Amino acid sequence: MFSFRTTPLLEQEDLTLRRGRIAVLDSPTAWHPQYGEYLGYTLARYRNVVRLSSLEEREVIAASDAVVIEHQITGNRFDPFLKPLRDFLLEQNRSRKPVSVYIVDRFNPSGRCVEGGHYDGLPHRHGLTLGELANMYYSEMNASFPLHIISAAANDAARELMPWSIPQPCGFGSLFSATFMSGAYLWNGTNVSCGDGTTRPYEMFGAPFMARLERGRDYVWENALTWNDVDSPVYDRATYMRWCGFTPHTGLYAGQECHGFQMIPNPGETGYNALLHTLRLIRFVRENCPEFTFNDRMDSLAGSEAVMSYLAGNLDYDTLRNHLKTEEQKWLRKAKKYLLYDEPLYRIK
């Protein structure tokens, strides 16, 4: 049984919620300004509630009558919460005694834009909310256990807080993260830092070995104008490229000075495709920096032979772009039937 509900969770009259044992998974992003606390604490004031630290606490979940989930996802297929959610829904679908599942939905901070191919069930930037993804998983499983989505429009927190207000553990911490993450996350498949461990994750990239790469008489990394010139192979009119240095506090190259670029959105331009731009950047670095390498994560992050072939220099850019366009259109057709809100998905043309 699936339902989409337009009144807040605390106003639901289900006996399961009013009298049952409730397991609540609410992440640090699920804080409610009207209560000044997390949903789990609010429910615990007058309900039989146990708080979960993850969806893998099977014994606690099995002993409950309902599981309430409130979590802000990033809008990218790299989000670490998506696999545990899908596995949890699969377990409930196979269970002889499934619990009732309630998802308090949040608007997607990355918006309705779609980028990338349809790999592992999702494109790089999918455009769906958590509730819509759960709707898709539920439908694909042909499930029948109780799944109820509480509309983001019924959630005061979703209306009053910008979806990037509270930083996520995966480093998604600002509006600019929404702009760049769907592409910049691919740096994690290389030996170049994506800015993790700084105040600007996914907005910067660099490495110690990028400090000075001599090619003839030109130092290509130090000449930022090369990157902002329309004739540059990595130029994008929607983004300025600022040569900079940074020292990550954690992660790759922690404590080491990295040299690279900060990407700055051009407010006068729209239509930025973070994935395509990042792929051009990665290929440019690979071709101009002998120290550059891929690691064993790159295949899964790239998601397709076409992307890897382009990065290796065996596929031209126009062919890659047309391939991804076809994949994005496939996803738009598929995802349309799982939408719970009026705003449609779209791709950058």
C-alpha atoms as a PDB file:
ATOM      1  CA  MET A   1       0.000   0.000   0.000  1.00  0.00           C
ATOM      2  CA  PHE A   2       1.477   3.308  -1.136  1.00  0.00           C
ATOM      3  CA  SER A   3       0.208   6.757  -0.193  1.00  0.00           C
ATOM      4  CA  PHE A   4       1.304  10.327  -0.726  1.00  0.00           C
ATOM      5  CA  ARG A   5       0.136  12.570   2.091  1.00  0.00           C
ATOM      6  CA  THR A   6      -0.160  16.334   2.134  1.00  0.00           C
ATOM      7  CA  THR A   7      -0.520  16.874   5.894  1.00  0.00           C
ATOM      8  CA  PRO A   8       2.388  16.850   8.372  1.00  0.00           C
ATOM      9  CA  LEU A   9       3.507  13.623  10.011  1.00  0.00           C
ATOM     10  CA  LEU A  10       2.450  14.791  13.470  1.00  0.00           C
ATOM     11  CA  GLU A  11      -1.111  15.233  12.218  1.00  0.00           C
ATOM     12  CA  GLN A  12      -1.442  11.709  10.827  1.00  0.00           C
ATOM     13  CA  GLU A  13      -4.137   9.626  12.541  1.00  0.00           C
ATOM     14  CA  ASP A  14      -2.695   6.167  11.831  1.00  0.00           C
ATOM     15  CA  LEU A  15      -2.976   3.888  14.856  1.00  0.00           C
ATOM     16  CA  THR A  16       0.527   2.647  14.048  1.00  0.00           C
ATOM     17  CA  LEU A  17       1.883   6.144  14.643  1.00  0.00           C
ATOM     18  CA  ARG A  18      -0.357   6.977  17.588  1.00  0.00           C
ATOM     19  CA  ARG A  19       0.001   3.778  19.622  1.00  0.00           C
ATOM     20  CA  GLY A  20       2.750   1.676  18.053  1.00  0.00           C
ATOM     21  CA  ARG A  21       6.471   1.450  18.657  1.00  0.00           C
ATOM     22  CA  ILE A  22       8.208   3.842  16.262  1.00  0.00           C
ATOM     23  CA  ALA A  23      11.803   3.689  15.068  1.00  0.00           C
ATOM     24  CA  VAL A  24      12.995   7.097  13.835  1.00  0.00           C
ATOM     25  CA  LEU A  25      15.943   7.791  11.570  1.00  0.00           C
ATOM     26  CA  ASP A  26      16.534  11.529  11.385  1.00  0.00           C
ATOM     27  CA  SER A  27      19.886  12.825  10.211  1.00  0.00           C
ATOM     28  CA  PRO A  28      21.530  16.080  11.366  1.00  0.00           C
ATOM     29  CA  THR A  29      19.932  17.740   8.329  1.00  0.00           C
ATOM     30  CA  ALA A  30      16.427  16.985   9.669  1.00  0.00           C
ATOM     31  CA  TRP A  31      16.196  19.771  12.234  1.00  0.00           C
ATOM     32  CA  HIS A  32      12.863  21.600  12.595  1.00  0.00           C
ATOM     33  CA  PRO A  33      12.970  25.347  13.291  1.00  0.00           C
ATOM     34  CA  GLN A  34       9.423  25.486  14.675  1.00  0.00           C
ATOM     35  CA  TYR A  35      10.304  22.965  17.401  1.00  0.00           C
ATOM     36  CA  GLY A  36      13.975  23.809  17.768  1.00  0.00           C
ATOM     37  CA  GLU A  37      14.876  20.105  17.650  1.00  0.00           C
ATOM     38  CA  TYR A  38      14.934  16.970  15.531  1.00  0.00           C
ATOM     39  CA  LEU A  39      11.799  15.035  14.650  1.00  0.00           C
ATOM     40  CA  GLY A  40      12.846  12.043  16.781  1.00  0.00           C
ATOM     41  CA  TYR A  41      12.955  14.162  19.927  1.00  0.00           C
ATOM     42  CA  THR A  42       9.573  15.708  19.175  1.00  0.00           C
ATOM     43  CA  LEU A  43       7.941  12.315  18.622  1.00  0.00           C
ATOM     44  CA  ALA A  44       9.558  10.898  21.762  1.00  0.00           C
ATOM     45  CA  ARG A  45       7.691  13.397  23.938  1.00  0.00           C
ATOM     46  CA  TYR A  46       4.429  11.509  23.587  1.00  0.00           C
ATOM     47  CA  ARG A  47       5.081   8.414  21.483  1.00  0.00           C
ATOM     48  CA  ASN A  48       6.900   5.129  22.044  1.00  0.00           C
ATOM     49  CA  VAL A  49      10.024   6.032  20.099  1.00  0.00           C
ATOM     50  CA  VAL A  50      13.508   4.629  19.624  1.00  0.00           C
ATOM     51  CA  ARG A  51      16.020   6.563  17.525  1.00  0.00           C
ATOM     52  CA  LEU A  52      18.060   4.762  14.870  1.00  0.00           C
ATOM     53  CA  SER A  53      21.622   5.523  13.914  1.00  0.00           C
ATOM     54  CA  SER A  54      21.227   3.692  10.587  1.00  0.00           C
ATOM     55  CA  LEU A  55      18.795   1.559   8.601  1.00  0.00           C
ATOM     56  CA  GLU A  56      20.949  -1.492   9.339  1.00  0.00           C
ATOM     57  CA  GLU A  57      19.666  -1.896  12.913  1.00  0.00           C
ATOM     58  CA  ARG A  58      17.566  -4.863  11.895  1.00  0.00           C
ATOM     59  CA  GLU A  59      16.594  -6.130  15.361  1.00  0.00           C
ATOM     60  CA  VAL A  60      15.333  -2.720  16.439  1.00  0.00           C
ATOM     61  CA  ILE A  61      13.397  -2.266  13.204  1.00  0.00           C
ATOM     62  CA  ALA A  62      11.888  -5.763  13.402  1.00  0.00           C
ATOM     63  CA  ALA A  63      10.628  -5.017  16.911  1.00  0.00           C
ATOM     64  CA  SER A  64       8.947  -1.796  15.734  1.00  0.00           C
ATOM     65  CA  ASP A  65       5.570  -1.160  14.151  1.00  0.00           C
ATOM     66  CA  ALA A  66       6.722   1.757  12.019  1.00  0.00           C
ATOM     67  CA  VAL A  67       9.905   3.369  10.767  1.00  0.00           C
ATOM     68  CA  VAL A  68       9.961   7.115  10.188  1.00  0.00           C
ATOM     69  CA  ILE A  69      12.735   8.450   7.933  1.00  0.00           C
ATOM     70  CA  GLU A  70      13.679  12.092   7.474  1.00  0.00           C
ATOM     71  CA  HIS A  71      16.892  12.764   5.580  1.00  0.00           C
ATOM     72  CA  GLN A  72      18.106  15.413   3.159  1.00  0.00           C
ATOM     73  CA  ILE A  73      19.664  13.823   0.090  1.00  0.00           C
ATOM     74  CA  THR A  74      22.000  15.624  -2.303  1.00  0.00           C
ATOM     75  CA  GLY A  75      20.293  14.877  -5.619  1.00  0.00           C
ATOM     76  CA  ASN A  76      23.285  12.908  -6.947  1.00  0.00           C
ATOM     77  CA  ARG A  77      23.716   9.175  -7.355  1.00  0.00           C
ATOM     78  CA  PHE A  78      26.877   9.403  -5.234  1.00  0.00           C
ATOM     79  CA  ASP A  79      24.737  10.056  -2.159  1.00  0.00           C
ATOM     80  CA  PRO A  80      25.733   7.478   0.511  1.00  0.00           C
ATOM     81  CA  PHE A  81      22.154   7.198   1.796  1.00  0.00           C
ATOM     82  CA  LEU A  82      20.588   5.798  -1.379  1.00  0.00           C
ATOM     83  CA  LYS A  83      21.926   2.240  -1.225  1.00  0.00           C
ATOM     84  CA  PRO A  84      20.973   1.696   2.460  1.00  0.00           C
ATOM     85  CA  LEU A  85      17.491   3.028   1.674  1.00  0.00           C
ATOM     86  CA  ARG A  86      17.021   0.692  -1.277  1.00  0.00           C
ATOM     87  CA  ASP A  87      18.361  -2.289   0.688  1.00  0.00           C
ATOM     88  CA  PHE A  88      16.023  -1.466   3.568  1.00  0.00           C
ATOM     89  CA  LEU A  89      12.989  -1.290   1.278  1.00  0.00           C
ATOM     90  CA  LEU A  90      14.018  -4.596  -0.314  1.00  0.00           C
ATOM     91  CA  GLU A  91      14.217  -6.223   3.106  1.00  0.00           C
ATOM     92  CA  GLN A  92      10.755  -4.966   3.999  1.00  0.00           C
ATOM     93  CA  ASN A  93       9.363  -6.271   0.729  1.00  0.00           C
ATOM     94  CA  ARG A  94      10.787  -9.734   1.460  1.00  0.00           C
ATOM     95  CA  SER A  95       9.786  -9.757   5.117  1.00  0.00           C
ATOM     96  CA  ARG A  96       6.853 -11.838   6.368  1.00  0.00           C
ATOM     97  CA  LYS A  97       6.135  -9.083   8.856  1.00  0.00           C
ATOM     98  CA  PRO A  98       7.143  -5.756   7.315  1.00  0.00           C
ATOM     99  CA  VAL A  99       6.863  -2.506   9.213  1.00  0.00           C
ATOM    100  CA  SER A 100       4.997   0.570   8.026  1.00  0.00           C
ATOM    101  CA  VAL A 101       7.451   3.034   6.486  1.00  0.00           C
ATOM    102  CA  TYR A 102       6.926   6.801   6.614  1.00  0.00           C
ATOM    103  CA  ILE A 103       9.256   9.122   4.719  1.00  0.00           C
ATOM    104  CA  VAL A 104       9.147  12.808   5.587  1.00  0.00           C
ATOM    105  CA  ASP A 105      10.164  14.242   2.250  1.00  0.00           C
ATOM    106  CA  ARG A 106      12.464  17.198   1.610  1.00  0.00           C
ATOM    107  CA  PHE A 107      12.958  19.220  -1.553  1.00  0.00           C
ATOM    108  CA  ASN A 108      16.051  18.292  -3.554  1.00  0.00           C
ATOM    109  CA  PRO A 109      18.846  20.896  -3.105  1.00  0.00           C
ATOM    110  CA  SER A 110      20.183  20.070  -6.570  1.00  0.00           C
ATOM    111  CA  GLY A 111      16.820  20.863  -8.138  1.00  0.00           C
ATOM    112  CA  ARG A 112      15.064  19.127 -11.030  1.00  0.00           C
ATOM    113  CA  CYS A 113      17.994  19.210 -13.431  1.00  0.00           C
ATOM    114  CA  VAL A 114      19.209  15.864 -14.834  1.00  0.00           C
ATOM    115  CA  GLU A 115      22.804  15.135 -15.847  1.00  0.00           C
ATOM    116  CA  GLY A 116      24.555  12.034 -17.044  1.00  0.00           C
ATOM    117  CA  GLY A 117      23.808   8.538 -18.101  1.00  0.00           C
ATOM    118  CA  HIS A 118      21.362   6.133 -16.550  1.00  0.00           C
ATOM    119  CA  TYR A 119      23.791   3.840 -14.746  1.00  0.00           C
ATOM    120  CA  ASP A 120      23.179   1.629 -11.700  1.00  0.00           C
ATOM    121  CA  GLY A 121      19.573   2.762 -11.820  1.00  0.00           C
ATOM    122  CA  LEU A 122      20.335   6.487 -11.544  1.00  0.00           C
ATOM    123  CA  PRO A 123      22.043   9.220 -13.584  1.00  0.00           C
ATOM    124  CA  HIS A 124      24.763  11.312 -12.020  1.00  0.00           C
ATOM    125  CA  ARG A 125      22.225  14.028 -11.133  1.00  0.00           C
ATOM    126  CA  HIS A 126      18.730  12.568 -10.924  1.00  0.00           C
ATOM    127  CA  GLY A 127      16.430  15.450  -9.964  1.00  0.00           C
ATOM    128  CA  LEU A 128      14.206  13.422  -7.610  1.00  0.00           C
ATOM    129  CA  THR A 129      13.390  13.872  -3.934  1.00  0.00           C
ATOM    130  CA  LEU A 130      13.918  11.073  -1.420  1.00  0.00           C
ATOM    131  CA  GLY A 131      10.190  10.341  -1.493  1.00  0.00           C
ATOM    132  CA  GLU A 132      10.168  10.079  -5.267  1.00  0.00           C
ATOM    133  CA  LEU A 133      13.174   7.747  -5.233  1.00  0.00           C
ATOM    134  CA  ALA A 134      11.404   5.579  -2.648  1.00  0.00           C
ATOM    135  CA  ASN A 135       8.347   5.605  -4.894  1.00  0.00           C
ATOM    136  CA  MET A 136      10.485   4.368  -7.796  1.00  0.00           C
ATOM    137  CA  TYR A 137      12.192   1.636  -5.754  1.00  0.00           C
ATOM    138  CA  TYR A 138       8.824   0.541  -4.353  1.00  0.00           C
ATOM    139  CA  SER A 139       7.275   0.312  -7.811  1.00  0.00           C
ATOM    140  CA  GLU A 140      10.231  -1.564  -9.311  1.00  0.00           C
ATOM    141  CA  MET A 141      10.011  -4.099  -6.468  1.00  0.00           C
ATOM    142  CA  ASN A 142       6.299  -4.517  -7.092  1.00  0.00           C
ATOM    143  CA  ALA A 143       6.024  -4.072  -3.327  1.00  0.00           C
ATOM    144  CA  SER A 144       2.880  -4.111  -1.199  1.00  0.00           C
ATOM    145  CA  PHE A 145       4.080  -3.244   2.332  1.00  0.00           C
ATOM    146  CA  PRO A 146       2.839   0.113   3.713  1.00  0.00           C
ATOM    147  CA  LEU A 147       4.913   3.012   2.368  1.00  0.00           C
ATOM    148  CA  HIS A 148       3.711   6.543   3.067  1.00  0.00           C
ATOM    149  CA  ILE A 149       5.392   9.698   1.753  1.00  0.00           C
ATOM    150  CA  ILE A 150       4.740  12.912   3.673  1.00  0.00           C
ATOM    151  CA  SER A 151       4.868  15.745   1.154  1.00  0.00           C
ATOM    152  CA  ALA A 152       7.741  18.197   1.440  1.00  0.00           C
ATOM    153  CA  ALA A 153       5.129  20.921   0.997  1.00  0.00           C
ATOM    154  CA  ALA A 154       3.536  19.795   4.287  1.00  0.00           C
ATOM    155  CA  ASN A 155       6.818  20.084   6.160  1.00  0.00           C
ATOM    156  CA  ASP A 156       7.494  23.445   7.840  1.00  0.00           C
ATOM    157  CA  ALA A 157      11.223  22.727   7.862  1.00  0.00           C
ATOM    158  CA  ALA A 158      11.203  22.133   4.102  1.00  0.00           C
ATOM    159  CA  ARG A 159       9.380  25.422   3.559  1.00  0.00           C
ATOM    160  CA  GLU A 160      11.403  27.535   5.992  1.00  0.00           C
ATOM    161  CA  LEU A 161      14.939  26.169   5.587  1.00  0.00           C
ATOM    162  CA  MET A 162      16.919  26.191   2.375  1.00  0.00           C
ATOM    163  CA  PRO A 163      17.814  22.546   1.646  1.00  0.00           C
ATOM    164  CA  TRP A 164      21.558  23.250   1.924  1.00  0.00           C
ATOM    165  CA  SER A 165      21.224  25.172   5.227  1.00  0.00           C
ATOM    166  CA  ILE A 166      22.664  22.333   7.330  1.00  0.00           C
ATOM    167  CA  PRO A 167      25.848  20.735   5.913  1.00  0.00           C
ATOM    168  CA  GLN A 168      25.672  17.055   5.062  1.00  0.00           C
ATOM    169  CA  PRO A 169      28.320  14.514   6.105  1.00  0.00           C
ATOM    170  CA  CYS A 170      29.320  13.967   2.474  1.00  0.00           C
ATOM    171  CA  GLY A 171      30.525  17.569   2.201  1.00  0.00           C
ATOM    172  CA  PHE A 172      27.453  19.036   0.523  1.00  0.00           C
ATOM    173  CA  GLY A 173      27.399  22.352   2.324  1.00  0.00           C
ATOM    174  CA  SER A 174      26.197  25.166   0.091  1.00  0.00           C
ATOM    175  CA  LEU A 175      24.218  26.228  -2.946  1.00  0.00           C
ATOM    176  CA  PHE A 176      27.407  25.970  -4.991  1.00  0.00           C
ATOM    177  CA  SER A 177      27.705  22.318  -3.957  1.00  0.00           C
ATOM    178  CA  ALA A 178      24.437  21.766  -5.830  1.00  0.00           C
ATOM    179  CA  THR A 179      25.976  23.443  -8.869  1.00  0.00           C
ATOM    180  CA  PHE A 180      29.177  21.405  -9.026  1.00  0.00           C
ATOM    181  CA  MET A 181      28.883  18.123  -7.120  1.00  0.00           C
ATOM    182  CA  SER A 182      27.335  15.984  -9.874  1.00  0.00           C
ATOM    183  CA  GLY A 183      30.534  16.434 -11.867  1.00  0.00           C
ATOM    184  CA  ALA A 184      33.204  17.333  -9.323  1.00  0.00           C
ATOM    185  CA  TYR A 185      32.613  14.158  -7.303  1.00  0.00           C
ATOM    186  CA  LEU A 186      34.398  12.281 -10.112  1.00  0.00           C
ATOM    187  CA  TRP A 187      37.726  13.728  -8.927  1.00  0.00           C
ATOM    188  CA  ASN A 188      37.431  11.088  -6.181  1.00  0.00           C
ATOM    189  CA  GLY A 189      38.296   8.569  -8.881  1.00  0.00           C
ATOM    190  CA  THR A 190      41.663  10.246  -9.432  1.00  0.00           C
ATOM    191  CA  ASN A 191      44.697  11.413  -7.474  1.00  0.00           C
ATOM    192  CA  VAL A 192      43.446  15.015  -7.640  1.00  0.00           C
ATOM    193  CA  SER A 193      41.642  16.440  -4.606  1.00  0.00           C
ATOM    194  CA  CYS A 194      38.043  17.592  -5.082  1.00  0.00           C
ATOM    195  CA  GLY A 195      38.462  20.089  -2.244  1.00  0.00           C
ATOM    196  CA  ASP A 196      37.290  17.632   0.404  1.00  0.00           C
ATOM    197  CA  GLY A 197      38.579  18.749   3.787  1.00  0.00           C
ATOM    198  CA  THR A 198      38.258  22.447   2.914  1.00  0.00           C
ATOM    199  CA  THR A 199      35.468  24.982   3.290  1.00  0.00           C
ATOM    200  CA  ARG A 200      34.745  24.657  -0.450  1.00  0.00           C
ATOM    201  CA  PRO A 201      34.333  20.960  -1.281  1.00  0.00           C
ATOM    202  CA  TYR A 202      33.499  20.275  -4.937  1.00  0.00           C
ATOM    203  CA  GLU A 203      34.135  23.933  -5.801  1.00  0.00           C
ATOM    204  CA  MET A 204      37.917  23.460  -5.950  1.00  0.00           C
ATOM    205  CA  PHE A 205      40.240  20.836  -7.345  1.00  0.00           C
ATOM    206  CA  GLY A 206      43.986  20.466  -7.247  1.00  0.00           C
ATOM    207  CA  ALA A 207      47.010  18.455  -6.176  1.00  0.00           C
ATOM    208  CA  PRO A 208      50.582  19.136  -5.002  1.00  0.00           C
ATOM    209  CA  PHE A 209      51.943  17.989  -8.349  1.00  0.00           C
ATOM    210  CA  MET A 210      49.854  20.583 -10.207  1.00  0.00           C
ATOM    211  CA  ALA A 211      51.993  23.439  -8.809  1.00  0.00           C
ATOM    212  CA  ARG A 212      53.952  24.039 -11.979  1.00  0.00           C
ATOM    213  CA  LEU A 213      53.735  21.986 -15.118  1.00  0.00           C
ATOM    214  CA  GLU A 214      56.038  23.301 -17.821  1.00  0.00           C
ATOM    215  CA  ARG A 215      54.985  22.849 -21.414  1.00  0.00           C
ATOM    216  CA  GLY A 216      57.413  24.600 -23.681  1.00  0.00           C
ATOM    217  CA  ARG A 217      57.745  28.091 -22.200  1.00  0.00           C
ATOM    218  CA  ASP A 218      54.227  28.250 -20.766  1.00  0.00           C
ATOM    219  CA  TYR A 219      53.182  27.210 -17.299  1.00  0.00           C
ATOM    220  CA  VAL A 220      49.664  26.016 -18.087  1.00  0.00           C
ATOM    221  CA  TRP A 221      48.477  25.854 -14.484  1.00  0.00           C
ATOM    222  CA  GLU A 222      49.555  29.381 -13.636  1.00  0.00           C
ATOM    223  CA  ASN A 223      47.884  31.060 -16.589  1.00  0.00           C
ATOM    224  CA  ALA A 224      44.260  31.321 -15.464  1.00  0.00           C
ATOM    225  CA  LEU A 225      43.417  33.254 -18.629  1.00  0.00           C
ATOM    226  CA  THR A 226      43.999  30.045 -20.561  1.00  0.00           C
ATOM    227  CA  TRP A 227      41.078  28.513 -18.700  1.00  0.00           C
ATOM    228  CA  ASN A 228      38.760  31.484 -19.201  1.00  0.00           C
ATOM    229  CA  ASP A 229      39.474  31.889 -22.888  1.00  0.00           C
ATOM    230  CA  VAL A 230      36.713  30.766 -25.221  1.00  0.00           C
ATOM    231  CA  ASP A 231      39.279  28.834 -27.260  1.00  0.00           C
ATOM    232  CA  SER A 232      40.427  26.797 -24.257  1.00  0.00           C
ATOM    233  CA  PRO A 233      39.417  23.109 -24.369  1.00  0.00           C
ATOM    234  CA  VAL A 234      38.030  23.425 -20.835  1.00  0.00           C
ATOM    235  CA  TYR A 235      36.292  26.800 -21.172  1.00  0.00           C
ATOM    236  CA  ASP A 236      32.700  27.078 -19.941  1.00  0.00           C
ATOM    237  CA  ARG A 237      30.879  30.387 -20.161  1.00  0.00           C
ATOM    238  CA  ALA A 238      28.861  29.640 -16.993  1.00  0.00           C
ATOM    239  CA  THR A 239      31.934  29.249 -14.776  1.00  0.00           C
ATOM    240  CA  TYR A 240      34.994  31.306 -13.951  1.00  0.00           C
ATOM    241  CA  MET A 241      38.219  29.419 -13.201  1.00  0.00           C
ATOM    242  CA  ARG A 242      40.391  31.006 -10.488  1.00  0.00           C
ATOM    243  CA  TRP A 243      43.934  29.706 -10.013  1.00  0.00           C
ATOM    244  CA  CYS A 244      44.393  29.061  -6.287  1.00  0.00           C
ATOM    245  CA  GLY A 245      46.124  27.035  -3.591  1.00  0.00           C
ATOM    246  CA  PHE A 246      44.491  25.189  -0.715  1.00  0.00           C
ATOM    247  CA  THR A 247      45.465  22.820   2.089  1.00  0.00           C
ATOM    248  CA  PRO A 248      42.903  20.113   2.986  1.00  0.00           C
ATOM    249  CA  HIS A 249      42.541  19.356   6.687  1.00  0.00           C
ATOM    250  CA  THR A 250      41.320  15.807   5.996  1.00  0.00           C
ATOM    251  CA  GLY A 251      41.132  13.375   3.122  1.00  0.00           C
ATOM    252  CA  LEU A 252      43.465  13.215   0.165  1.00  0.00           C
ATOM    253  CA  TYR A 253      46.611  15.335   0.687  1.00  0.00           C
ATOM    254  CA  ALA A 254      45.603  16.296   4.244  1.00  0.00           C
ATOM    255  CA  GLY A 255      48.063  18.911   5.497  1.00  0.00           C
ATOM    256  CA  GLN A 256      49.690  19.324   2.076  1.00  0.00           C
ATOM    257  CA  GLU A 257      49.460  22.400  -0.099  1.00  0.00           C
ATOM    258  CA  CYS A 258      47.529  21.717  -3.299  1.00  0.00           C
ATOM    259  CA  HIS A 259      47.499  23.853  -6.418  1.00  0.00           C
ATOM    260  CA  GLY A 260      44.604  24.019  -8.792  1.00  0.00           C
ATOM    261  CA  PHE A 261      41.438  25.979  -9.429  1.00  0.00           C
ATOM    262  CA  GLN A 262      38.330  27.282  -7.755  1.00  0.00           C
ATOM    263  CA  MET A 263      35.233  27.147  -9.949  1.00  0.00           C
ATOM    264  CA  ILE A 264      32.998  30.203  -9.546  1.00  0.00           C
ATOM    265  CA  PRO A 265      29.519  30.327 -11.107  1.00  0.00           C
ATOM    266  CA  ASN A 266      28.969  33.182 -13.536  1.00  0.00           C
ATOM    267  CA  PRO A 267      25.683  34.728 -12.332  1.00  0.00           C
ATOM    268  CA  GLY A 268      24.943  36.057 -15.793  1.00  0.00           C
ATOM    269  CA  GLU A 269      24.877  32.598 -17.377  1.00  0.00           C
ATOM    270  CA  THR A 270      22.648  29.557 -16.984  1.00  0.00           C
ATOM    271  CA  GLY A 271      22.750  26.038 -18.322  1.00  0.00           C
ATOM    272  CA  TYR A 272      25.893  24.770 -16.606  1.00  0.00           C
ATOM    273  CA  ASN A 273      26.437  21.034 -17.008  1.00  0.00           C
ATOM    274  CA  ALA A 274      28.789  20.077 -14.179  1.00  0.00           C
ATOM    275  CA  LEU A 275      29.342  16.530 -15.412  1.00  0.00           C
ATOM    276  CA  LEU A 276      30.387  17.424 -18.947  1.00  0.00           C
ATOM    277  CA  HIS A 277      32.614  20.250 -17.740  1.00  0.00           C
ATOM    278  CA  THR A 278      34.335  18.089 -15.137  1.00  0.00           C
ATOM    279  CA  LEU A 279      34.961  15.350 -17.692  1.00  0.00           C
ATOM    280  CA  ARG A 280      36.702  17.900 -19.918  1.00  0.00           C
ATOM    281  CA  LEU A 281      38.735  19.108 -16.940  1.00  0.00           C
ATOM    282  CA  ILE A 282      39.781  15.575 -15.949  1.00  0.00           C
ATOM    283  CA  ARG A 283      40.818  14.733 -19.492  1.00  0.00           C
ATOM    284  CA  PHE A 284      42.803  17.988 -19.756  1.00  0.00           C
ATOM    285  CA  VAL A 285      44.661  17.266 -16.508  1.00  0.00           C
ATOM    286  CA  ARG A 286      45.352  13.674 -17.578  1.00  0.00           C
ATOM    287  CA  GLU A 287      46.769  14.815 -20.912  1.00  0.00           C
ATOM    288  CA  ASN A 288      48.945  17.577 -19.437  1.00  0.00           C
ATOM    289  CA  CYS A 289      50.150  16.166 -16.150  1.00  0.00           C
ATOM    290  CA  PRO A 290      52.238  12.955 -16.141  1.00  0.00           C
ATOM    291  CA  GLU A 291      51.702  12.408 -12.399  1.00  0.00           C
ATOM    292  CA  PHE A 292      47.933  12.136 -12.861  1.00  0.00           C
ATOM    293  CA  THR A 293      46.364   8.695 -12.314  1.00  0.00           C
ATOM    294  CA  PHE A 294      42.960   7.093 -11.961  1.00  0.00           C
ATOM    295  CA  ASN A 295      42.193   4.910  -8.950  1.00  0.00           C
ATOM    296  CA  ASP A 296      40.004   1.821  -8.618  1.00  0.00           C
ATOM    297  CA  ARG A 297      36.877   3.941  -7.956  1.00  0.00           C
ATOM    298  CA  MET A 298      36.871   5.645 -11.330  1.00  0.00           C
ATOM    299  CA  ASP A 299      34.975   2.987 -13.272  1.00  0.00           C
ATOM    300  CA  SER A 300      32.030   2.998 -10.873  1.00  0.00           C
ATOM    301  CA  LEU A 301      31.972   6.800 -10.575  1.00  0.00           C
ATOM    302  CA  ALA A 302      32.120   7.271 -14.348  1.00  0.00           C
ATOM    303  CA  GLY A 303      29.393   4.691 -14.736  1.00  0.00           C
ATOM    304  CA  SER A 304      29.883   3.768 -18.385  1.00  0.00           C
ATOM    305  CA  GLU A 305      32.364   2.656 -20.997  1.00  0.00           C
ATOM    306  CA  ALA A 306      31.597   5.800 -23.023  1.00  0.00           C
ATOM    307  CA  VAL A 307      32.694   8.112 -20.204  1.00  0.00           C
ATOM    308  CA  MET A 308      35.846   6.101 -19.541  1.00  0.00           C
ATOM    309  CA  SER A 309      36.614   5.985 -23.255  1.00  0.00           C
ATOM    310  CA  TYR A 310      36.360   9.772 -23.442  1.00  0.00           C
ATOM    311  CA  LEU A 311      38.626  10.232 -20.404  1.00  0.00           C
ATOM    312  CA  ALA A 312      41.163   7.897 -21.986  1.00  0.00           C
ATOM    313  CA  GLY A 313      41.180  10.005 -25.156  1.00  0.00           C
ATOM    314  CA  ASN A 314      39.487   7.380 -27.311  1.00  0.00           C
ATOM    315  CA  LEU A 315      36.144   9.151 -27.784  1.00  0.00           C
ATOM    316  CA  ASP A 316      35.546  12.696 -28.974  1.00  0.00           C
ATOM    317  CA  TYR A 317      33.555  15.213 -26.947  1.00  0.00           C
ATOM    318  CA  ASP A 318      30.617  15.604 -29.341  1.00  0.00           C
ATOM    319  CA  THR A 319      30.058  11.845 -29.411  1.00  0.00           C
ATOM    320  CA  LEU A 320      30.128  11.707 -25.615  1.00  0.00           C
ATOM    321  CA  ARG A 321      27.719  14.639 -25.315  1.00  0.00           C
ATOM    322  CA  ASN A 322      25.246  13.035 -27.732  1.00  0.00           C
ATOM    323  CA  HIS A 323      25.486   9.747 -25.867  1.00  0.00           C
ATOM    324  CA  LEU A 324      24.727  11.406 -22.538  1.00  0.00           C
ATOM    325  CA  LYS A 325      21.875  13.378 -24.114  1.00  0.00           C
ATOM    326  CA  THR A 326      20.228  10.117 -25.165  1.00  0.00           C
ATOM    327  CA  GLU A 327      20.717   8.648 -21.692  1.00  0.00           C
ATOM    328  CA  GLU A 328      19.270  11.743 -20.022  1.00  0.00           C
ATOM    329  CA  GLN A 329      16.189  11.588 -22.233  1.00  0.00           C
ATOM    330  CA  LYS A 330      15.687   7.940 -21.264  1.00  0.00           C
ATOM    331  CA  TRP A 331      15.795   8.904 -17.591  1.00  0.00           C
ATOM    332  CA  LEU A 332      13.323  11.760 -18.092  1.00  0.00           C
ATOM    333  CA  ARG A 333      10.824   9.332 -19.612  1.00  0.00           C
ATOM    334  CA  LYS A 334      11.324   6.773 -16.871  1.00  0.00           C
ATOM    335  CA  ALA A 335      11.309   9.133 -13.891  1.00  0.00           C
ATOM    336  CA  LYS A 336       8.226  11.049 -15.010  1.00  0.00           C
ATOM    337  CA  LYS A 337       5.831   8.426 -13.651  1.00  0.00           C
ATOM    338  CA  TYR A 338       7.376   8.576 -10.163  1.00  0.00           C
ATOM    339  CA  LEU A 339       7.124  12.344  -9.679  1.00  0.00           C
ATOM    340  CA  LEU A 340       5.093  13.501  -6.689  1.00  0.00           C
ATOM    341  CA  TYR A 341       5.309  17.250  -7.334  1.00  0.00           C
ATOM    342  CA  ASP A 342       4.227  19.485 -10.182  1.00  0.00           C
ATOM    343  CA  GLU A 343       7.683  20.747 -11.139  1.00  0.00           C
ATOM    344  CA  PRO A 344       8.996  18.578 -14.013  1.00  0.00           C
ATOM    345  CA  LEU A 345      12.515  17.259 -14.516  1.00  0.00           C
ATOM    346  CA  TYR A 346      14.611  18.762 -17.289  1.00  0.00           C
ATOM    347  CA  ARG A 347      17.977  18.380 -18.960  1.00  0.00           C
ATOM    348  CA  ILE A 348      20.410  21.109 -20.004  1.00  0.00           C
ATOM    349  CA  LYS A 349      20.193  21.597 -23.767  1.00  0.00           C
END
